[in-house]
Amino acid sequence: MTIEWRTDLETGNKLIDSQHKELFKRTASLVDACNKGLGRLEVKGLIEYLEQYIQQHFTAEEKLQLDFGYPDYNKHKKQHDDFIFEFGKLKDRLEQIGATTDFVIHINRTLVEWLVFHISRSDKEIALFIKEN
């Protein structure tokens, strides 16, 4: 499974969409590095950058929700918190086993499925709410 930005994932909010595109780009770089068997340090560096970017994006997205009084803020924040926890587990797994084929498959599935699902459902709901308010 590869990760590629699609226009049907656009929320209509320029800030959120630009951040989502960057998340897709960075995730694709991480998956590519894993697939190429690049060194553990390079993969670890990509994961650390992606983790930092995810946290920045989630913070910006959550602020936007609070600014507009989004009614499902707590539910959405929990999704973010859960993902950050899962991402931390991925980092730990990399430390333990390295960028093995199983790790590559797992990280690819985890990141791609979560990002696409979260953006296409939850983030689009936020964008619609903001647009209507």
Protein backbone atom coordinates (compact mmCIF):
# COMPACT_ATOMS: atom_id res chain seq x y z
CA MET A 1 0.00 0.00 0.00
CA THR A 2 1.35 3.41 -0.90
CA ILE A 3 0.35 6.77 0.41
CA GLU A 4 -0.52 9.43 -2.07
CA TRP A 5 -2.51 12.63 -1.66
CA ARG A 6 -5.85 12.61 -3.43
CA THR A 7 -8.07 15.58 -4.07
CA ASP A 8 -11.05 13.77 -2.56
CA LEU A 9 -9.29 14.12 0.81
CA GLU A 10 -9.33 17.91 0.65
CA THR A 11 -11.26 19.53 3.44
CA GLY A 12 -11.50 22.94 1.82
CA ASN A 13 -9.47 24.54 4.63
CA LYS A 14 -6.15 25.69 3.14
CA LEU A 15 -4.16 25.34 6.36
CA ILE A 16 -5.44 21.87 7.17
CA ASP A 17 -5.09 20.69 3.56
CA SER A 18 -1.51 21.95 3.28
CA GLN A 19 -0.61 20.22 6.54
CA HIS A 20 -2.29 17.01 5.43
CA LYS A 21 -0.35 17.09 2.15
CA GLU A 22 2.88 17.48 4.10
CA LEU A 23 1.93 14.56 6.35
CA PHE A 24 1.35 12.42 3.27
CA LYS A 25 4.66 13.51 1.76
CA ARG A 26 6.60 12.73 4.95
CA THR A 27 4.82 9.42 5.47
CA ALA A 28 5.63 8.43 1.89
CA SER A 29 9.29 9.30 2.55
CA LEU A 30 9.30 7.15 5.66
CA VAL A 31 7.69 4.19 3.91
CA ASP A 32 10.10 4.59 0.98
CA ALA A 33 13.10 4.63 3.32
CA CYS A 34 11.86 1.49 5.05
CA ASN A 35 11.22 -0.23 1.72
CA LYS A 36 14.74 0.60 0.55
CA GLY A 37 16.21 -0.88 3.70
CA LEU A 38 17.87 2.36 4.67
CA GLY A 39 19.68 2.44 7.95
CA ARG A 40 17.91 2.46 11.25
CA LEU A 41 19.17 5.97 12.02
CA GLU A 42 17.68 7.41 8.83
CA VAL A 43 14.35 5.71 9.42
CA LYS A 44 14.43 6.80 13.07
CA GLY A 45 15.11 10.39 12.01
CA LEU A 46 12.15 10.31 9.65
CA ILE A 47 9.90 8.90 12.36
CA GLU A 48 11.02 11.57 14.82
CA TYR A 49 10.36 14.32 12.28
CA LEU A 50 6.98 12.85 11.42
CA GLU A 51 6.07 12.54 15.10
CA GLN A 52 6.94 16.20 15.67
CA TYR A 53 4.99 17.28 12.60
CA ILE A 54 1.97 15.22 13.60
CA GLN A 55 1.93 16.86 17.01
CA GLN A 56 2.21 20.34 15.46
CA HIS A 57 -0.58 19.55 13.03
CA PHE A 58 -2.84 18.12 15.72
CA THR A 59 -2.23 21.18 17.90
CA ALA A 60 -3.17 23.52 15.05
CA GLU A 61 -6.22 21.47 14.14
CA GLU A 62 -7.39 21.31 17.75
CA LYS A 63 -6.95 25.07 18.15
CA LEU A 64 -9.08 25.61 15.07
CA GLN A 65 -11.78 23.38 16.57
CA LEU A 66 -11.73 25.31 19.83
CA ASP A 67 -11.78 28.66 18.03
CA PHE A 68 -14.94 27.64 16.16
CA GLY A 69 -16.58 25.81 19.07
CA TYR A 70 -16.56 22.44 17.33
CA PRO A 71 -18.99 20.27 19.35
CA ASP A 72 -17.05 16.98 18.93
CA TYR A 73 -13.71 18.45 19.99
CA ASN A 74 -13.16 15.96 22.84
CA LYS A 75 -13.87 12.98 20.59
CA HIS A 76 -11.54 14.31 17.91
CA LYS A 77 -8.78 15.11 20.41
CA LYS A 78 -9.01 11.56 21.74
CA GLN A 79 -8.47 10.25 18.20
CA HIS A 80 -5.35 12.39 17.99
CA ASP A 81 -4.13 11.27 21.40
CA ASP A 82 -4.73 7.63 20.53
CA PHE A 83 -2.79 8.01 17.29
CA ILE A 84 0.14 9.69 19.05
CA PHE A 85 0.21 6.76 21.49
CA GLU A 86 0.18 4.24 18.62
CA PHE A 87 2.88 6.19 16.82
CA GLY A 88 5.01 6.01 19.97
CA LYS A 89 4.60 2.24 19.93
CA LEU A 90 5.84 2.22 16.33
CA LYS A 91 8.96 4.10 17.42
CA ASP A 92 9.54 1.60 20.20
CA ARG A 93 9.08 -1.31 17.81
CA LEU A 94 11.63 0.20 15.43
CA GLU A 95 14.12 0.44 18.29
CA GLN A 96 13.51 -3.20 19.19
CA ILE A 97 13.46 -4.91 15.81
CA GLY A 98 14.71 -2.40 13.27
CA ALA A 99 13.24 -1.67 9.86
CA THR A 100 12.34 -5.27 9.06
CA THR A 101 9.87 -6.26 6.37
CA ASP A 102 7.23 -6.82 9.05
CA PHE A 103 7.89 -3.36 10.46
CA VAL A 104 7.62 -1.78 7.01
CA ILE A 105 4.29 -3.49 6.39
CA HIS A 106 3.00 -2.55 9.84
CA ILE A 107 4.02 1.10 9.70
CA ASN A 108 2.72 1.45 6.16
CA ARG A 109 -0.66 -0.01 7.08
CA THR A 110 -0.92 1.91 10.35
CA LEU A 111 -0.03 5.31 8.92
CA VAL A 112 -1.78 5.05 5.58
CA GLU A 113 -5.02 3.59 6.91
CA TRP A 114 -5.23 6.00 9.83
CA LEU A 115 -4.41 9.12 7.84
CA VAL A 116 -6.82 8.33 5.02
CA PHE A 117 -9.62 7.26 7.37
CA HIS A 118 -9.14 10.16 9.78
CA ILE A 119 -8.92 12.81 7.08
CA SER A 120 -11.75 11.49 4.94
CA ARG A 121 -14.13 11.28 7.87
CA SER A 122 -13.24 13.23 10.98
CA ASP A 123 -11.33 16.10 9.45
CA LYS A 124 -13.88 16.62 6.71
CA GLU A 125 -16.59 16.88 9.39
CA ILE A 126 -14.60 19.63 11.10
CA ALA A 127 -14.10 21.50 7.83
CA LEU A 128 -17.80 21.30 7.05
CA PHE A 129 -18.69 22.59 10.52
CA ILE A 130 -16.26 25.50 10.16
CA LYS A 131 -17.54 26.34 6.70
CA GLU A 132 -21.15 26.38 7.93
CA ASN A 133 -20.29 28.52 10.96
